[in-house]
Amino acid sequence: MQDLTLLPVFATPLAVYNLGSTVKELNKQLVKDIDTEIVGQPVNRTFYGGKQTRLGIEDSFSSFKELQAILKPVYFSMMARYGAPREVMERTILHNLWGNVITDIGGFSEPHTHGTGNTFFTGVYYPAGNEDEDLEQFDYNDYIVSYETSKQNGMDIEGCLQFRSPGSLEKKIIRPDFKYDHTTLFDASLIVKPRQSMVIMFPAYLSHMVFPVKTNLPRYSISFSVNRA
């Protein structure tokens, strides 16, 4: 009997990376700069009970410029893992950083995608979180689970990021009689628990949202785009 081959057809790439404790001071400055920016120029695009900065604030704040430089090799590493030639990566640009902060109880972000027809990849970075957490100890399984698994485990999903599978409606038609996680074929959504110094990169077409928060403790995140140069 021949060996069975299982192909991940139409798989959606999602990259997870931990910048660790080396950026702890940078994180503090990023939060300060977001607070400064939203006072002067508050913008709301997809957030409710919160504010967003202008796009491209790496041109105004050195902290965001530094983060942009840190994220670029992470993006290159991700694309190399996907088999993209270096010359293709060089024809793209990681830019247009913006800050997000949810400040009000019940604040959330509606389902949305990022970018325009020129946007290739996008991502989110978390500059704030549990200050007592060891930023060097990181297991993505502690922060990324399927929605079904989060329900089974009684996970509190307030302020969590949710990704929706491009085929989520079709997948919901099928309900297999076994437990499954985000590595299997039948899951329709993925939950990401924010964690300081964690960056997530994903295709611009991937729909996502943020669940409502239950406190008025600010929830900070930074988004960015990767466009064709």
C-alpha atoms as a PDB file:
ATOM      1  CA  MET A   1       0.000   0.000   0.000  1.00  0.00           C
ATOM      2  CA  GLN A   2       1.337   3.421  -0.937  1.00  0.00           C
ATOM      3  CA  ASP A   3       1.897   6.132   1.687  1.00  0.00           C
ATOM      4  CA  LEU A   4      -0.949   8.578   2.137  1.00  0.00           C
ATOM      5  CA  THR A   5      -0.201  12.209   1.282  1.00  0.00           C
ATOM      6  CA  LEU A   6      -2.161  14.923   3.063  1.00  0.00           C
ATOM      7  CA  LEU A   7      -2.036  18.345   1.389  1.00  0.00           C
ATOM      8  CA  PRO A   8      -2.930  21.590   3.232  1.00  0.00           C
ATOM      9  CA  VAL A   9      -5.005  22.863   0.305  1.00  0.00           C
ATOM     10  CA  PHE A  10      -5.986  26.551   0.492  1.00  0.00           C
ATOM     11  CA  ALA A  11      -4.180  26.907   3.813  1.00  0.00           C
ATOM     12  CA  THR A  12      -4.048  30.435   5.277  1.00  0.00           C
ATOM     13  CA  PRO A  13      -0.552  31.373   6.504  1.00  0.00           C
ATOM     14  CA  LEU A  14      -0.288  32.938   9.975  1.00  0.00           C
ATOM     15  CA  ALA A  15       3.075  33.867  11.487  1.00  0.00           C
ATOM     16  CA  VAL A  16       3.649  34.295  15.238  1.00  0.00           C
ATOM     17  CA  TYR A  17       6.796  35.795  16.747  1.00  0.00           C
ATOM     18  CA  ASN A  18       7.885  36.928  20.203  1.00  0.00           C
ATOM     19  CA  LEU A  19      10.170  39.979  20.403  1.00  0.00           C
ATOM     20  CA  GLY A  20      10.748  39.229  24.082  1.00  0.00           C
ATOM     21  CA  SER A  21      12.129  41.437  26.830  1.00  0.00           C
ATOM     22  CA  THR A  22      14.681  43.255  24.653  1.00  0.00           C
ATOM     23  CA  VAL A  23      11.938  45.635  23.476  1.00  0.00           C
ATOM     24  CA  LYS A  24      10.402  46.288  26.906  1.00  0.00           C
ATOM     25  CA  GLU A  25      11.584  49.907  27.056  1.00  0.00           C
ATOM     26  CA  LEU A  26      10.561  50.440  23.444  1.00  0.00           C
ATOM     27  CA  ASN A  27       7.110  49.111  24.302  1.00  0.00           C
ATOM     28  CA  LYS A  28       6.717  51.727  27.025  1.00  0.00           C
ATOM     29  CA  GLN A  29       7.644  54.484  24.587  1.00  0.00           C
ATOM     30  CA  LEU A  30       5.259  53.151  21.938  1.00  0.00           C
ATOM     31  CA  VAL A  31       2.391  53.327  24.439  1.00  0.00           C
ATOM     32  CA  LYS A  32       3.343  56.888  25.411  1.00  0.00           C
ATOM     33  CA  ASP A  33       3.475  57.936  21.770  1.00  0.00           C
ATOM     34  CA  ILE A  34       0.081  56.380  21.022  1.00  0.00           C
ATOM     35  CA  ASP A  35      -1.395  58.325  23.948  1.00  0.00           C
ATOM     36  CA  THR A  36       0.193  61.532  22.649  1.00  0.00           C
ATOM     37  CA  GLU A  37      -1.037  60.974  19.097  1.00  0.00           C
ATOM     38  CA  ILE A  38      -4.665  60.120  19.893  1.00  0.00           C
ATOM     39  CA  VAL A  39      -5.074  63.294  21.960  1.00  0.00           C
ATOM     40  CA  GLY A  40      -4.033  65.454  19.036  1.00  0.00           C
ATOM     41  CA  GLN A  41      -5.635  63.549  16.170  1.00  0.00           C
ATOM     42  CA  PRO A  42      -8.217  60.994  17.277  1.00  0.00           C
ATOM     43  CA  VAL A  43      -9.428  58.785  14.458  1.00  0.00           C
ATOM     44  CA  ASN A  44     -11.967  55.945  14.474  1.00  0.00           C
ATOM     45  CA  ARG A  45     -12.099  53.537  11.542  1.00  0.00           C
ATOM     46  CA  THR A  46     -13.171  50.171  12.924  1.00  0.00           C
ATOM     47  CA  PHE A  47     -12.880  50.678  16.703  1.00  0.00           C
ATOM     48  CA  TYR A  48     -15.717  51.503  19.094  1.00  0.00           C
ATOM     49  CA  GLY A  49     -15.023  52.683  22.626  1.00  0.00           C
ATOM     50  CA  GLY A  50     -11.487  53.559  21.635  1.00  0.00           C
ATOM     51  CA  LYS A  51      -9.292  55.504  19.222  1.00  0.00           C
ATOM     52  CA  GLN A  52      -6.842  54.941  16.392  1.00  0.00           C
ATOM     53  CA  THR A  53      -3.920  57.054  15.251  1.00  0.00           C
ATOM     54  CA  ARG A  54      -3.132  58.243  11.761  1.00  0.00           C
ATOM     55  CA  LEU A  55      -1.597  55.808   9.312  1.00  0.00           C
ATOM     56  CA  GLY A  56       2.149  56.035   8.834  1.00  0.00           C
ATOM     57  CA  ILE A  57       3.073  57.455  12.236  1.00  0.00           C
ATOM     58  CA  GLU A  58       6.538  55.932  11.891  1.00  0.00           C
ATOM     59  CA  ASP A  59       7.246  59.205  10.075  1.00  0.00           C
ATOM     60  CA  SER A  60       6.387  61.175  13.223  1.00  0.00           C
ATOM     61  CA  PHE A  61       7.680  59.050  16.123  1.00  0.00           C
ATOM     62  CA  SER A  62      11.128  57.474  16.389  1.00  0.00           C
ATOM     63  CA  SER A  63       9.720  54.628  18.502  1.00  0.00           C
ATOM     64  CA  PHE A  64       7.505  53.525  15.609  1.00  0.00           C
ATOM     65  CA  LYS A  65      10.406  53.903  13.182  1.00  0.00           C
ATOM     66  CA  GLU A  66      12.439  51.580  15.416  1.00  0.00           C
ATOM     67  CA  LEU A  67       9.603  49.060  15.559  1.00  0.00           C
ATOM     68  CA  GLN A  68       9.298  49.183  11.764  1.00  0.00           C
ATOM     69  CA  ALA A  69      13.006  48.299  11.465  1.00  0.00           C
ATOM     70  CA  ILE A  70      12.579  45.403  13.925  1.00  0.00           C
ATOM     71  CA  LEU A  71       9.537  43.991  12.119  1.00  0.00           C
ATOM     72  CA  LYS A  72      11.092  44.002   8.640  1.00  0.00           C
ATOM     73  CA  PRO A  73      13.465  41.028   9.180  1.00  0.00           C
ATOM     74  CA  VAL A  74      10.643  39.151  10.925  1.00  0.00           C
ATOM     75  CA  TYR A  75       8.550  39.618   7.795  1.00  0.00           C
ATOM     76  CA  PHE A  76      11.457  38.538   5.562  1.00  0.00           C
ATOM     77  CA  SER A  77      11.950  35.417   7.689  1.00  0.00           C
ATOM     78  CA  MET A  78       8.257  34.577   7.403  1.00  0.00           C
ATOM     79  CA  MET A  79       8.248  34.976   3.621  1.00  0.00           C
ATOM     80  CA  ALA A  80      11.408  32.883   3.300  1.00  0.00           C
ATOM     81  CA  ARG A  81       9.647  30.084   5.192  1.00  0.00           C
ATOM     82  CA  TYR A  82       6.835  30.315   2.622  1.00  0.00           C
ATOM     83  CA  GLY A  83       9.378  29.959  -0.177  1.00  0.00           C
ATOM     84  CA  ALA A  84       9.228  33.526  -1.528  1.00  0.00           C
ATOM     85  CA  PRO A  85      12.364  34.582  -3.457  1.00  0.00           C
ATOM     86  CA  ARG A  86      14.394  37.408  -1.938  1.00  0.00           C
ATOM     87  CA  GLU A  87      13.805  39.616  -4.988  1.00  0.00           C
ATOM     88  CA  VAL A  88      10.052  39.341  -4.455  1.00  0.00           C
ATOM     89  CA  MET A  89      10.389  40.392  -0.820  1.00  0.00           C
ATOM     90  CA  GLU A  90      12.557  43.337  -1.826  1.00  0.00           C
ATOM     91  CA  ARG A  91       9.705  44.611  -3.999  1.00  0.00           C
ATOM     92  CA  THR A  92       7.471  44.992  -0.944  1.00  0.00           C
ATOM     93  CA  ILE A  93       7.531  47.529   1.877  1.00  0.00           C
ATOM     94  CA  LEU A  94       6.423  47.158   5.504  1.00  0.00           C
ATOM     95  CA  HIS A  95       5.028  50.530   6.482  1.00  0.00           C
ATOM     96  CA  ASN A  96       1.912  52.528   7.402  1.00  0.00           C
ATOM     97  CA  LEU A  97       2.057  51.686  11.098  1.00  0.00           C
ATOM     98  CA  TRP A  98      -0.821  52.873  13.261  1.00  0.00           C
ATOM     99  CA  GLY A  99      -1.776  52.597  16.900  1.00  0.00           C
ATOM    100  CA  ASN A 100      -5.036  51.348  18.392  1.00  0.00           C
ATOM    101  CA  VAL A 101      -6.317  51.705  21.937  1.00  0.00           C
ATOM    102  CA  ILE A 102      -9.630  50.558  23.450  1.00  0.00           C
ATOM    103  CA  THR A 103     -10.399  52.594  26.554  1.00  0.00           C
ATOM    104  CA  ASP A 104     -14.090  52.081  27.367  1.00  0.00           C
ATOM    105  CA  ILE A 105     -15.907  49.157  28.937  1.00  0.00           C
ATOM    106  CA  GLY A 106     -17.595  47.292  26.095  1.00  0.00           C
ATOM    107  CA  GLY A 107     -15.177  48.697  23.507  1.00  0.00           C
ATOM    108  CA  PHE A 108     -14.466  46.461  20.528  1.00  0.00           C
ATOM    109  CA  SER A 109     -13.402  46.338  16.900  1.00  0.00           C
ATOM    110  CA  GLU A 110     -15.863  45.255  14.230  1.00  0.00           C
ATOM    111  CA  PRO A 111     -14.941  42.564  11.663  1.00  0.00           C
ATOM    112  CA  HIS A 112     -12.677  44.061   9.007  1.00  0.00           C
ATOM    113  CA  THR A 113      -9.699  43.532   6.727  1.00  0.00           C
ATOM    114  CA  HIS A 114      -6.678  45.757   6.148  1.00  0.00           C
ATOM    115  CA  GLY A 115      -5.301  47.597   3.175  1.00  0.00           C
ATOM    116  CA  THR A 116      -6.115  48.057  -0.488  1.00  0.00           C
ATOM    117  CA  GLY A 117      -5.390  46.223  -3.710  1.00  0.00           C
ATOM    118  CA  ASN A 118      -1.669  46.822  -3.161  1.00  0.00           C
ATOM    119  CA  THR A 119      -1.620  45.308   0.327  1.00  0.00           C
ATOM    120  CA  PHE A 120       0.015  41.892   0.482  1.00  0.00           C
ATOM    121  CA  PHE A 121       0.333  41.088   4.170  1.00  0.00           C
ATOM    122  CA  THR A 122      -0.619  42.859   7.383  1.00  0.00           C
ATOM    123  CA  GLY A 123      -0.105  42.318  11.086  1.00  0.00           C
ATOM    124  CA  VAL A 124      -0.581  43.360  14.685  1.00  0.00           C
ATOM    125  CA  TYR A 125       1.901  43.957  17.499  1.00  0.00           C
ATOM    126  CA  TYR A 126       1.124  44.206  21.216  1.00  0.00           C
ATOM    127  CA  PRO A 127       3.255  46.772  23.105  1.00  0.00           C
ATOM    128  CA  ALA A 128       1.442  46.301  26.422  1.00  0.00           C
ATOM    129  CA  GLY A 129       0.142  43.462  28.562  1.00  0.00           C
ATOM    130  CA  ASN A 130       0.671  41.720  31.867  1.00  0.00           C
ATOM    131  CA  GLU A 131       3.721  43.416  33.401  1.00  0.00           C
ATOM    132  CA  ASP A 132       4.432  40.369  35.592  1.00  0.00           C
ATOM    133  CA  GLU A 133       4.692  38.039  32.603  1.00  0.00           C
ATOM    134  CA  ASP A 134       8.075  36.582  31.663  1.00  0.00           C
ATOM    135  CA  LEU A 135       8.518  37.909  28.142  1.00  0.00           C
ATOM    136  CA  GLU A 136      11.246  35.386  27.345  1.00  0.00           C
ATOM    137  CA  GLN A 137       9.067  32.350  28.061  1.00  0.00           C
ATOM    138  CA  PHE A 138       6.716  31.969  25.119  1.00  0.00           C
ATOM    139  CA  ASP A 139       4.576  29.123  23.822  1.00  0.00           C
ATOM    140  CA  TYR A 140       2.100  30.202  21.153  1.00  0.00           C
ATOM    141  CA  ASN A 141      -0.297  27.455  22.251  1.00  0.00           C
ATOM    142  CA  ASP A 142      -0.937  29.484  25.409  1.00  0.00           C
ATOM    143  CA  TYR A 143      -2.226  32.413  23.336  1.00  0.00           C
ATOM    144  CA  ILE A 144      -3.674  30.994  20.111  1.00  0.00           C
ATOM    145  CA  VAL A 145      -6.550  28.503  20.187  1.00  0.00           C
ATOM    146  CA  SER A 146      -9.608  27.674  18.135  1.00  0.00           C
ATOM    147  CA  TYR A 147     -12.896  29.271  19.144  1.00  0.00           C
ATOM    148  CA  GLU A 148     -14.285  25.815  19.918  1.00  0.00           C
ATOM    149  CA  THR A 149     -11.334  25.075  22.201  1.00  0.00           C
ATOM    150  CA  SER A 150     -11.764  28.415  23.992  1.00  0.00           C
ATOM    151  CA  LYS A 151     -15.385  27.483  24.759  1.00  0.00           C
ATOM    152  CA  GLN A 152     -14.461  23.995  25.926  1.00  0.00           C
ATOM    153  CA  ASN A 153     -11.788  25.402  28.250  1.00  0.00           C
ATOM    154  CA  GLY A 154     -13.950  28.227  29.582  1.00  0.00           C
ATOM    155  CA  MET A 155     -11.444  30.791  28.309  1.00  0.00           C
ATOM    156  CA  ASP A 156     -12.223  34.464  28.934  1.00  0.00           C
ATOM    157  CA  ILE A 157     -12.042  36.007  25.455  1.00  0.00           C
ATOM    158  CA  GLU A 158     -12.529  39.673  26.414  1.00  0.00           C
ATOM    159  CA  GLY A 159     -10.261  41.867  24.297  1.00  0.00           C
ATOM    160  CA  CYS A 160      -9.090  38.848  22.293  1.00  0.00           C
ATOM    161  CA  LEU A 161      -8.459  38.989  18.573  1.00  0.00           C
ATOM    162  CA  GLN A 162     -10.588  36.674  16.444  1.00  0.00           C
ATOM    163  CA  PHE A 163      -9.693  35.538  12.942  1.00  0.00           C
ATOM    164  CA  ARG A 164     -12.411  34.230  10.637  1.00  0.00           C
ATOM    165  CA  SER A 165     -11.572  31.529   8.137  1.00  0.00           C
ATOM    166  CA  PRO A 166     -12.217  32.611   4.516  1.00  0.00           C
ATOM    167  CA  GLY A 167     -14.469  29.535   4.320  1.00  0.00           C
ATOM    168  CA  SER A 168     -16.058  30.001   7.738  1.00  0.00           C
ATOM    169  CA  LEU A 169     -19.673  29.879   6.548  1.00  0.00           C
ATOM    170  CA  GLU A 170     -19.113  26.668   4.615  1.00  0.00           C
ATOM    171  CA  LYS A 171     -17.170  25.081   7.467  1.00  0.00           C
ATOM    172  CA  LYS A 172     -19.987  25.751   9.931  1.00  0.00           C
ATOM    173  CA  ILE A 173     -22.206  23.438   7.912  1.00  0.00           C
ATOM    174  CA  ILE A 174     -20.003  20.534   9.013  1.00  0.00           C
ATOM    175  CA  ARG A 175     -19.965  19.607  12.726  1.00  0.00           C
ATOM    176  CA  PRO A 176     -17.748  16.567  13.330  1.00  0.00           C
ATOM    177  CA  ASP A 177     -18.332  14.563  16.518  1.00  0.00           C
ATOM    178  CA  PHE A 178     -14.853  15.016  17.907  1.00  0.00           C
ATOM    179  CA  LYS A 179     -12.857  17.761  19.568  1.00  0.00           C
ATOM    180  CA  TYR A 180     -10.552  19.680  17.320  1.00  0.00           C
ATOM    181  CA  ASP A 181      -8.180  22.612  17.457  1.00  0.00           C
ATOM    182  CA  HIS A 182      -6.875  25.205  15.002  1.00  0.00           C
ATOM    183  CA  THR A 183      -4.669  22.662  13.205  1.00  0.00           C
ATOM    184  CA  THR A 184      -7.611  20.695  11.807  1.00  0.00           C
ATOM    185  CA  LEU A 185      -9.835  21.082   8.774  1.00  0.00           C
ATOM    186  CA  PHE A 186     -13.184  21.991  10.283  1.00  0.00           C
ATOM    187  CA  ASP A 187     -12.477  25.044  12.435  1.00  0.00           C
ATOM    188  CA  ALA A 188     -14.002  28.336  11.333  1.00  0.00           C
ATOM    189  CA  SER A 189     -12.336  30.836  13.678  1.00  0.00           C
ATOM    190  CA  LEU A 190      -9.191  31.349  15.717  1.00  0.00           C
ATOM    191  CA  ILE A 191      -8.740  33.224  19.018  1.00  0.00           C
ATOM    192  CA  VAL A 192      -5.579  35.181  19.858  1.00  0.00           C
ATOM    193  CA  LYS A 193      -5.052  36.356  23.433  1.00  0.00           C
ATOM    194  CA  PRO A 194      -2.991  39.601  23.437  1.00  0.00           C
ATOM    195  CA  ARG A 195       0.457  39.282  24.948  1.00  0.00           C
ATOM    196  CA  GLN A 196       3.141  41.955  25.288  1.00  0.00           C
ATOM    197  CA  SER A 197       5.899  41.727  22.643  1.00  0.00           C
ATOM    198  CA  MET A 198       3.959  39.287  20.448  1.00  0.00           C
ATOM    199  CA  VAL A 199       3.574  39.999  16.740  1.00  0.00           C
ATOM    200  CA  ILE A 200       1.120  38.273  14.396  1.00  0.00           C
ATOM    201  CA  MET A 201       1.424  38.502  10.596  1.00  0.00           C
ATOM    202  CA  PHE A 202      -1.264  37.333   8.193  1.00  0.00           C
ATOM    203  CA  PRO A 203      -2.645  37.882   4.658  1.00  0.00           C
ATOM    204  CA  ALA A 204      -4.496  41.167   4.191  1.00  0.00           C
ATOM    205  CA  TYR A 205      -7.644  39.345   3.073  1.00  0.00           C
ATOM    206  CA  LEU A 206      -8.088  37.589   6.436  1.00  0.00           C
ATOM    207  CA  SER A 207     -11.090  39.024   8.301  1.00  0.00           C
ATOM    208  CA  HIS A 208     -10.614  39.725  12.015  1.00  0.00           C
ATOM    209  CA  MET A 209     -12.194  41.542  14.959  1.00  0.00           C
ATOM    210  CA  VAL A 210     -11.640  42.281  18.660  1.00  0.00           C
ATOM    211  CA  PHE A 211     -14.095  41.044  21.285  1.00  0.00           C
ATOM    212  CA  PRO A 212     -15.510  43.639  23.733  1.00  0.00           C
ATOM    213  CA  VAL A 213     -13.438  44.417  26.824  1.00  0.00           C
ATOM    214  CA  LYS A 214     -14.933  44.224  30.301  1.00  0.00           C
ATOM    215  CA  THR A 215     -12.836  46.880  32.052  1.00  0.00           C
ATOM    216  CA  ASN A 216     -11.579  50.376  31.305  1.00  0.00           C
ATOM    217  CA  LEU A 217      -7.961  49.201  31.385  1.00  0.00           C
ATOM    218  CA  PRO A 218      -6.544  50.412  28.042  1.00  0.00           C
ATOM    219  CA  ARG A 219      -5.909  47.720  25.433  1.00  0.00           C
ATOM    220  CA  TYR A 220      -3.061  48.755  23.110  1.00  0.00           C
ATOM    221  CA  SER A 221      -2.101  47.312  19.751  1.00  0.00           C
ATOM    222  CA  ILE A 222      -0.151  48.439  16.699  1.00  0.00           C
ATOM    223  CA  SER A 223      -1.076  47.463  13.151  1.00  0.00           C
ATOM    224  CA  PHE A 224       0.918  47.681   9.930  1.00  0.00           C
ATOM    225  CA  SER A 225       0.743  46.832   6.258  1.00  0.00           C
ATOM    226  CA  VAL A 226       3.041  45.177   3.734  1.00  0.00           C
ATOM    227  CA  ASN A 227       2.435  46.676   0.303  1.00  0.00           C
ATOM    228  CA  ARG A 228       3.910  46.257  -3.134  1.00  0.00           C
ATOM    229  CA  ALA A 229       6.616  48.904  -3.426  1.00  0.00           C
END
